[in-house]
PDB file of N, CA and C in Angstrom:
ATOM      1  N   MET A   1     198.732 232.624   0.074  1.00  0.00           N
ATOM      2  CA  MET A   1     197.549 232.939   0.847  1.00  0.00           C
ATOM      3  C   MET A   1     197.429 234.461   0.921  1.00  0.00           C
ATOM      4  N   PRO A   2     196.228 234.969   0.732  1.00  0.00           N
ATOM      5  CA  PRO A   2     196.047 236.412   0.821  1.00  0.00           C
ATOM      6  C   PRO A   2     196.320 236.908   2.233  1.00  0.00           C
ATOM      7  N   SER A   3     196.696 238.151   2.343  1.00  0.00           N
ATOM      8  CA  SER A   3     196.922 238.706   3.676  1.00  0.00           C
ATOM      9  C   SER A   3     195.627 239.318   4.196  1.00  0.00           C
ATOM     10  N   TYR A   4     195.459 239.268   5.508  1.00  0.00           N
ATOM     11  CA  TYR A   4     194.277 239.812   6.163  1.00  0.00           C
ATOM     12  C   TYR A   4     194.717 240.759   7.266  1.00  0.00           C
ATOM     13  N   ARG A   5     193.952 241.767   7.469  1.00  0.00           N
ATOM     14  CA  ARG A   5     194.241 242.719   8.532  1.00  0.00           C
ATOM     15  C   ARG A   5     193.327 242.426   9.717  1.00  0.00           C
ATOM     16  N   LEU A   6     193.916 242.238  10.864  1.00  0.00           N
ATOM     17  CA  LEU A   6     193.165 241.932  12.068  1.00  0.00           C
ATOM     18  C   LEU A   6     192.472 243.197  12.562  1.00  0.00           C
ATOM     19  N   THR A   7     191.142 243.143  12.643  1.00  0.00           N
ATOM     20  CA  THR A   7     190.390 244.308  13.095  1.00  0.00           C
ATOM     21  C   THR A   7     189.685 244.065  14.416  1.00  0.00           C
ATOM     22  N   GLU A   8     189.677 242.839  14.878  1.00  0.00           N
ATOM     23  CA  GLU A   8     189.032 242.489  16.141  1.00  0.00           C
ATOM     24  C   GLU A   8     190.075 241.880  17.073  1.00  0.00           C
ATOM     25  N   PRO A   9     189.824 241.942  18.366  1.00  0.00           N
ATOM     26  CA  PRO A   9     190.778 241.344  19.304  1.00  0.00           C
ATOM     27  C   PRO A   9     190.827 239.821  19.157  1.00  0.00           C
ATOM     28  N   VAL A  10     191.965 239.265  19.471  1.00  0.00           N
ATOM     29  CA  VAL A  10     192.142 237.817  19.463  1.00  0.00           C
ATOM     30  C   VAL A  10     191.863 237.317  20.873  1.00  0.00           C
ATOM     31  N   SER A  11     191.107 236.243  20.989  1.00  0.00           N
ATOM     32  CA  SER A  11     190.774 235.691  22.299  1.00  0.00           C
ATOM     33  C   SER A  11     191.697 234.540  22.644  1.00  0.00           C
ATOM     34  N   ALA A  12     192.108 234.507  23.889  1.00  0.00           N
ATOM     35  CA  ALA A  12     192.955 233.414  24.362  1.00  0.00           C
ATOM     36  C   ALA A  12     192.147 232.119  24.394  1.00  0.00           C
ATOM     37  N   LEU A  13     192.820 231.022  24.185  1.00  0.00           N
ATOM     38  CA  LEU A  13     192.186 229.710  24.236  1.00  0.00           C
ATOM     39  C   LEU A  13     191.823 229.394  25.680  1.00  0.00           C
ATOM     40  N   SER A  14     190.568 229.098  25.915  1.00  0.00           N
ATOM     41  CA  SER A  14     190.085 228.882  27.278  1.00  0.00           C
ATOM     42  C   SER A  14     190.042 227.399  27.639  1.00  0.00           C
ATOM     43  N   ASP A  15     189.973 227.140  28.934  1.00  0.00           N
ATOM     44  CA  ASP A  15     189.792 225.763  29.409  1.00  0.00           C
ATOM     45  C   ASP A  15     188.475 225.197  28.886  1.00  0.00           C
ATOM     46  N   GLU A  16     187.435 226.036  28.855  1.00  0.00           N
ATOM     47  CA  GLU A  16     186.127 225.609  28.349  1.00  0.00           C
ATOM     48  C   GLU A  16     186.236 225.136  26.898  1.00  0.00           C
ATOM     49  N   ALA A  17     186.970 225.898  26.072  1.00  0.00           N
ATOM     50  CA  ALA A  17     187.141 225.521  24.671  1.00  0.00           C
ATOM     51  C   ALA A  17     187.936 224.226  24.548  1.00  0.00           C
ATOM     52  N   LEU A  18     188.939 224.048  25.375  1.00  0.00           N
ATOM     53  CA  LEU A  18     189.729 222.808  25.318  1.00  0.00           C
ATOM     54  C   LEU A  18     188.910 221.596  25.743  1.00  0.00           C
ATOM     55  N   ARG A  19     188.048 221.766  26.741  1.00  0.00           N
ATOM     56  CA  ARG A  19     187.168 220.657  27.142  1.00  0.00           C
ATOM     57  C   ARG A  19     186.199 220.310  26.013  1.00  0.00           C
ATOM     58  N   LEU A  20     185.629 221.346  25.384  1.00  0.00           N
ATOM     59  CA  LEU A  20     184.721 221.107  24.263  1.00  0.00           C
ATOM     60  C   LEU A  20     185.466 220.448  23.108  1.00  0.00           C
ATOM     61  N   ALA A  21     186.701 220.865  22.854  1.00  0.00           N
ATOM     62  CA  ALA A  21     187.507 220.256  21.790  1.00  0.00           C
ATOM     63  C   ALA A  21     187.706 218.762  22.055  1.00  0.00           C
ATOM     64  N   ALA A  22     187.955 218.407  23.299  1.00  0.00           N
ATOM     65  CA  ALA A  22     188.134 216.988  23.643  1.00  0.00           C
ATOM     66  C   ALA A  22     186.850 216.207  23.373  1.00  0.00           C
ATOM     67  N   GLU A  23     185.702 216.809  23.703  1.00  0.00           N
ATOM     68  CA  GLU A  23     184.420 216.146  23.441  1.00  0.00           C
ATOM     69  C   GLU A  23     184.181 215.990  21.938  1.00  0.00           C
ATOM     70  N   LEU A  24     184.435 217.045  21.169  1.00  0.00           N
ATOM     71  CA  LEU A  24     184.251 216.980  19.707  1.00  0.00           C
ATOM     72  C   LEU A  24     185.193 215.959  19.085  1.00  0.00           C
ATOM     73  N   TRP A  25     186.438 215.924  19.563  1.00  0.00           N
ATOM     74  CA  TRP A  25     187.434 214.982  19.060  1.00  0.00           C
ATOM     75  C   TRP A  25     186.952 213.549  19.299  1.00  0.00           C
ATOM     76  N   ALA A  26     186.465 213.277  20.511  1.00  0.00           N
ATOM     77  CA  ALA A  26     185.991 211.928  20.844  1.00  0.00           C
ATOM     78  C   ALA A  26     184.772 211.554  20.000  1.00  0.00           C
ATOM     79  N   GLN A  27     183.839 212.485  19.837  1.00  0.00           N
ATOM     80  CA  GLN A  27     182.645 212.218  19.026  1.00  0.00           C
ATOM     81  C   GLN A  27     183.020 211.907  17.577  1.00  0.00           C
ATOM     82  N   ALA A  28     183.929 212.693  17.010  1.00  0.00           N
ATOM     83  CA  ALA A  28     184.352 212.471  15.618  1.00  0.00           C
ATOM     84  C   ALA A  28     184.990 211.099  15.462  1.00  0.00           C
ATOM     85  N   ARG A  29     185.808 210.698  16.427  1.00  0.00           N
ATOM     86  CA  ARG A  29     186.454 209.382  16.375  1.00  0.00           C
ATOM     87  C   ARG A  29     185.435 208.260  16.531  1.00  0.00           C
ATOM     88  N   GLN A  30     184.494 208.423  17.460  1.00  0.00           N
ATOM     89  CA  GLN A  30     183.478 207.399  17.677  1.00  0.00           C
ATOM     90  C   GLN A  30     182.582 207.221  16.454  1.00  0.00           C
ATOM     91  N   GLN A  31     182.385 208.298  15.691  1.00  0.00           N
ATOM     92  CA  GLN A  31     181.553 208.242  14.489  1.00  0.00           C
ATOM     93  C   GLN A  31     182.358 207.835  13.254  1.00  0.00           C
ATOM     94  N   GLY A  32     183.656 207.558  13.445  1.00  0.00           N
ATOM     95  CA  GLY A  32     184.500 207.145  12.327  1.00  0.00           C
ATOM     96  C   GLY A  32     184.858 208.278  11.393  1.00  0.00           C
ATOM     97  N   ARG A  33     184.836 209.526  11.890  1.00  0.00           N
ATOM     98  CA  ARG A  33     185.158 210.692  11.058  1.00  0.00           C
ATOM     99  C   ARG A  33     186.260 211.546  11.689  1.00  0.00           C
ATOM    100  N   PRO A  34     187.416 210.966  12.003  1.00  0.00           N
ATOM    101  CA  PRO A  34     188.482 211.761  12.615  1.00  0.00           C
ATOM    102  C   PRO A  34     188.986 212.825  11.643  1.00  0.00           C
ATOM    103  N   THR A  35     189.469 213.919  12.187  1.00  0.00           N
ATOM    104  CA  THR A  35     189.982 215.001  11.344  1.00  0.00           C
ATOM    105  C   THR A  35     191.504 215.065  11.347  1.00  0.00           C
ATOM    106  N   SER A  36     192.134 214.137  12.054  1.00  0.00           N
ATOM    107  CA  SER A  36     193.595 214.011  12.033  1.00  0.00           C
ATOM    108  C   SER A  36     193.957 212.604  12.485  1.00  0.00           C
ATOM    109  N   SER A  37     195.222 212.269  12.362  1.00  0.00           N
ATOM    110  CA  SER A  37     195.646 210.947  12.825  1.00  0.00           C
ATOM    111  C   SER A  37     195.600 210.909  14.351  1.00  0.00           C
ATOM    112  N   ALA A  38     195.586 209.725  14.911  1.00  0.00           N
ATOM    113  CA  ALA A  38     195.446 209.550  16.359  1.00  0.00           C
ATOM    114  C   ALA A  38     196.586 210.194  17.146  1.00  0.00           C
ATOM    115  N   LEU A  39     197.758 210.339  16.541  1.00  0.00           N
ATOM    116  CA  LEU A  39     198.915 210.889  17.252  1.00  0.00           C
ATOM    117  C   LEU A  39     199.098 212.390  17.058  1.00  0.00           C
ATOM    118  N   ASP A  40     198.289 213.011  16.204  1.00  0.00           N
ATOM    119  CA  ASP A  40     198.444 214.437  15.917  1.00  0.00           C
ATOM    120  C   ASP A  40     197.572 215.304  16.816  1.00  0.00           C
ATOM    121  N   LEU A  41     198.042 216.498  17.081  1.00  0.00           N
ATOM    122  CA  LEU A  41     197.228 217.522  17.728  1.00  0.00           C
ATOM    123  C   LEU A  41     196.200 217.967  16.699  1.00  0.00           C
ATOM    124  N   ASP A  42     194.939 217.931  17.037  1.00  0.00           N
ATOM    125  CA  ASP A  42     193.874 218.207  16.075  1.00  0.00           C
ATOM    126  C   ASP A  42     193.453 219.671  16.139  1.00  0.00           C
ATOM    127  N   ILE A  43     194.167 220.504  15.409  1.00  0.00           N
ATOM    128  CA  ILE A  43     193.925 221.946  15.456  1.00  0.00           C
ATOM    129  C   ILE A  43     192.551 222.307  14.895  1.00  0.00           C
ATOM    130  N   ASP A  44     192.031 221.534  13.954  1.00  0.00           N
ATOM    131  CA  ASP A  44     190.697 221.826  13.412  1.00  0.00           C
ATOM    132  C   ASP A  44     189.637 221.732  14.505  1.00  0.00           C
ATOM    133  N   VAL A  45     189.727 220.724  15.343  1.00  0.00           N
ATOM    134  CA  VAL A  45     188.768 220.563  16.434  1.00  0.00           C
ATOM    135  C   VAL A  45     188.945 221.684  17.457  1.00  0.00           C
ATOM    136  N   ILE A  46     190.172 222.063  17.730  1.00  0.00           N
ATOM    137  CA  ILE A  46     190.422 223.151  18.683  1.00  0.00           C
ATOM    138  C   ILE A  46     189.874 224.471  18.144  1.00  0.00           C
ATOM    139  N   LEU A  47     190.089 224.757  16.858  1.00  0.00           N
ATOM    140  CA  LEU A  47     189.537 225.976  16.255  1.00  0.00           C
ATOM    141  C   LEU A  47     188.019 225.982  16.299  1.00  0.00           C
ATOM    142  N   ALA A  48     187.404 224.861  15.981  1.00  0.00           N
ATOM    143  CA  ALA A  48     185.947 224.767  16.006  1.00  0.00           C
ATOM    144  C   ALA A  48     185.419 224.979  17.421  1.00  0.00           C
ATOM    145  N   ALA A  49     186.044 224.357  18.402  1.00  0.00           N
ATOM    146  CA  ALA A  49     185.606 224.511  19.787  1.00  0.00           C
ATOM    147  C   ALA A  49     185.756 225.949  20.257  1.00  0.00           C
ATOM    148  N   GLN A  50     186.843 226.595  19.886  1.00  0.00           N
ATOM    149  CA  GLN A  50     187.043 228.002  20.263  1.00  0.00           C
ATOM    150  C   GLN A  50     185.947 228.867  19.640  1.00  0.00           C
ATOM    151  N   ALA A  51     185.640 228.634  18.379  1.00  0.00           N
ATOM    152  CA  ALA A  51     184.590 229.411  17.713  1.00  0.00           C
ATOM    153  C   ALA A  51     183.233 229.167  18.371  1.00  0.00           C
ATOM    154  N   LEU A  52     182.923 227.918  18.698  1.00  0.00           N
ATOM    155  CA  LEU A  52     181.656 227.603  19.355  1.00  0.00           C
ATOM    156  C   LEU A  52     181.562 228.240  20.740  1.00  0.00           C
ATOM    157  N   THR A  53     182.664 228.230  21.459  1.00  0.00           N
ATOM    158  CA  THR A  53     182.691 228.802  22.805  1.00  0.00           C
ATOM    159  C   THR A  53     182.502 230.314  22.769  1.00  0.00           C
ATOM    160  N   LEU A  54     183.136 230.971  21.816  1.00  0.00           N
ATOM    161  CA  LEU A  54     183.061 232.433  21.713  1.00  0.00           C
ATOM    162  C   LEU A  54     181.810 232.909  20.999  1.00  0.00           C
ATOM    163  N   GLY A  55     181.243 232.046  20.157  1.00  0.00           N
ATOM    164  CA  GLY A  55     180.229 232.490  19.223  1.00  0.00           C
ATOM    165  C   GLY A  55     178.790 232.438  19.671  1.00  0.00           C
ATOM    166  N   ALA A  56     178.512 232.300  20.950  1.00  0.00           N
ATOM    167  CA  ALA A  56     177.117 232.249  21.400  1.00  0.00           C
ATOM    168  C   ALA A  56     176.409 233.548  21.018  1.00  0.00           C
ATOM    169  N   GLY A  57     175.649 233.489  19.932  1.00  0.00           N
ATOM    170  CA  GLY A  57     174.908 234.654  19.479  1.00  0.00           C
ATOM    171  C   GLY A  57     175.705 235.633  18.639  1.00  0.00           C
ATOM    172  N   ALA A  58     176.939 235.321  18.336  1.00  0.00           N
ATOM    173  CA  ALA A  58     177.776 236.226  17.545  1.00  0.00           C
ATOM    174  C   ALA A  58     178.353 235.485  16.351  1.00  0.00           C
ATOM    175  N   GLU A  59     178.706 236.216  15.328  1.00  0.00           N
ATOM    176  CA  GLU A  59     179.374 235.611  14.182  1.00  0.00           C
ATOM    177  C   GLU A  59     180.870 235.610  14.439  1.00  0.00           C
ATOM    178  N   ILE A  60     181.469 234.435  14.379  1.00  0.00           N
ATOM    179  CA  ILE A  60     182.908 234.269  14.570  1.00  0.00           C
ATOM    180  C   ILE A  60     183.495 233.874  13.224  1.00  0.00           C
ATOM    181  N   ILE A  61     184.571 234.532  12.832  1.00  0.00           N
ATOM    182  CA  ILE A  61     185.211 234.247  11.550  1.00  0.00           C
ATOM    183  C   ILE A  61     186.576 233.613  11.803  1.00  0.00           C
ATOM    184  N   VAL A  62     186.763 232.441  11.223  1.00  0.00           N
ATOM    185  CA  VAL A  62     188.051 231.760  11.250  1.00  0.00           C
ATOM    186  C   VAL A  62     188.527 231.697   9.811  1.00  0.00           C
ATOM    187  N   VAL A  63     189.715 232.196   9.547  1.00  0.00           N
ATOM    188  CA  VAL A  63     190.250 232.209   8.194  1.00  0.00           C
ATOM    189  C   VAL A  63     191.079 230.946   7.987  1.00  0.00           C
ATOM    190  N   THR A  64     190.698 230.178   6.954  1.00  0.00           N
ATOM    191  CA  THR A  64     191.415 228.952   6.622  1.00  0.00           C
ATOM    192  C   THR A  64     191.308 228.703   5.126  1.00  0.00           C
ATOM    193  N   THR A  65     192.252 227.981   4.592  1.00  0.00           N
ATOM    194  CA  THR A  65     192.180 227.587   3.179  1.00  0.00           C
ATOM    195  C   THR A  65     191.602 226.189   3.027  1.00  0.00           C
ATOM    196  N   ASN A  66     191.302 225.521   4.158  1.00  0.00           N
ATOM    197  CA  ASN A  66     190.776 224.164   4.116  1.00  0.00           C
ATOM    198  C   ASN A  66     189.651 224.009   5.139  1.00  0.00           C
ATOM    199  N   PRO A  67     188.418 224.375   4.777  1.00  0.00           N
ATOM    200  CA  PRO A  67     187.305 224.295   5.731  1.00  0.00           C
ATOM    201  C   PRO A  67     186.702 222.894   5.886  1.00  0.00           C
ATOM    202  N   ARG A  68     187.204 221.913   5.141  1.00  0.00           N
ATOM    203  CA  ARG A  68     186.593 220.581   5.110  1.00  0.00           C
ATOM    204  C   ARG A  68     186.429 219.969   6.500  1.00  0.00           C
ATOM    205  N   HIS A  69     187.467 219.958   7.319  1.00  0.00           N
ATOM    206  CA  HIS A  69     187.381 219.358   8.642  1.00  0.00           C
ATOM    207  C   HIS A  69     186.546 220.198   9.599  1.00  0.00           C
ATOM    208  N   LEU A  70     186.608 221.505   9.484  1.00  0.00           N
ATOM    209  CA  LEU A  70     185.825 222.378  10.361  1.00  0.00           C
ATOM    210  C   LEU A  70     184.327 222.188  10.159  1.00  0.00           C
ATOM    211  N   ARG A  71     183.929 221.836   8.935  1.00  0.00           N
ATOM    212  CA  ARG A  71     182.505 221.664   8.609  1.00  0.00           C
ATOM    213  C   ARG A  71     181.793 220.630   9.465  1.00  0.00           C
ATOM    214  N   GLN A  72     182.535 219.702  10.029  1.00  0.00           N
ATOM    215  CA  GLN A  72     181.911 218.700  10.901  1.00  0.00           C
ATOM    216  C   GLN A  72     181.337 219.333  12.165  1.00  0.00           C
ATOM    217  N   PHE A  73     181.849 220.516  12.517  1.00  0.00           N
ATOM    218  CA  PHE A  73     181.532 221.088  13.820  1.00  0.00           C
ATOM    219  C   PHE A  73     180.878 222.482  13.741  1.00  0.00           C
ATOM    220  N   VAL A  74     181.237 223.263  12.737  1.00  0.00           N
ATOM    221  CA  VAL A  74     180.731 224.639  12.614  1.00  0.00           C
ATOM    222  C   VAL A  74     180.452 224.952  11.141  1.00  0.00           C
ATOM    223  N   ASP A  75     179.759 226.044  10.897  1.00  0.00           N
ATOM    224  CA  ASP A  75     179.528 226.518   9.541  1.00  0.00           C
ATOM    225  C   ASP A  75     180.874 226.982   8.977  1.00  0.00           C
ATOM    226  N   ALA A  76     181.382 226.277   7.980  1.00  0.00           N
ATOM    227  CA  ALA A  76     182.688 226.603   7.402  1.00  0.00           C
ATOM    228  C   ALA A  76     182.584 226.575   5.898  1.00  0.00           C
ATOM    229  N   ARG A  77     183.059 227.625   5.266  1.00  0.00           N
ATOM    230  CA  ARG A  77     182.998 227.704   3.797  1.00  0.00           C
ATOM    231  C   ARG A  77     184.132 228.569   3.275  1.00  0.00           C
ATOM    232  N   LEU A  78     184.387 228.422   1.996  1.00  0.00           N
ATOM    233  CA  LEU A  78     185.434 229.248   1.364  1.00  0.00           C
ATOM    234  C   LEU A  78     184.884 230.596   1.024  1.00  0.00           C
TER     235      LEU A  78
END
């Protein structure tokens, strides 16, 4: 994986983002499109919720080598 230099501050995970992650997780499961197994912590949903929470009117960049699961919730591309 290429290395990246952090140029912006990192934001702590908020309660608001965790609540949104729970809602997104439930919606994905109800629609038959889970992004992880039922017993796993779903980091893709948590990342998407954090980006949505922080990104009101701003561009948020999440670096990943696998945007497939994030695409269900946010604009994600390679």
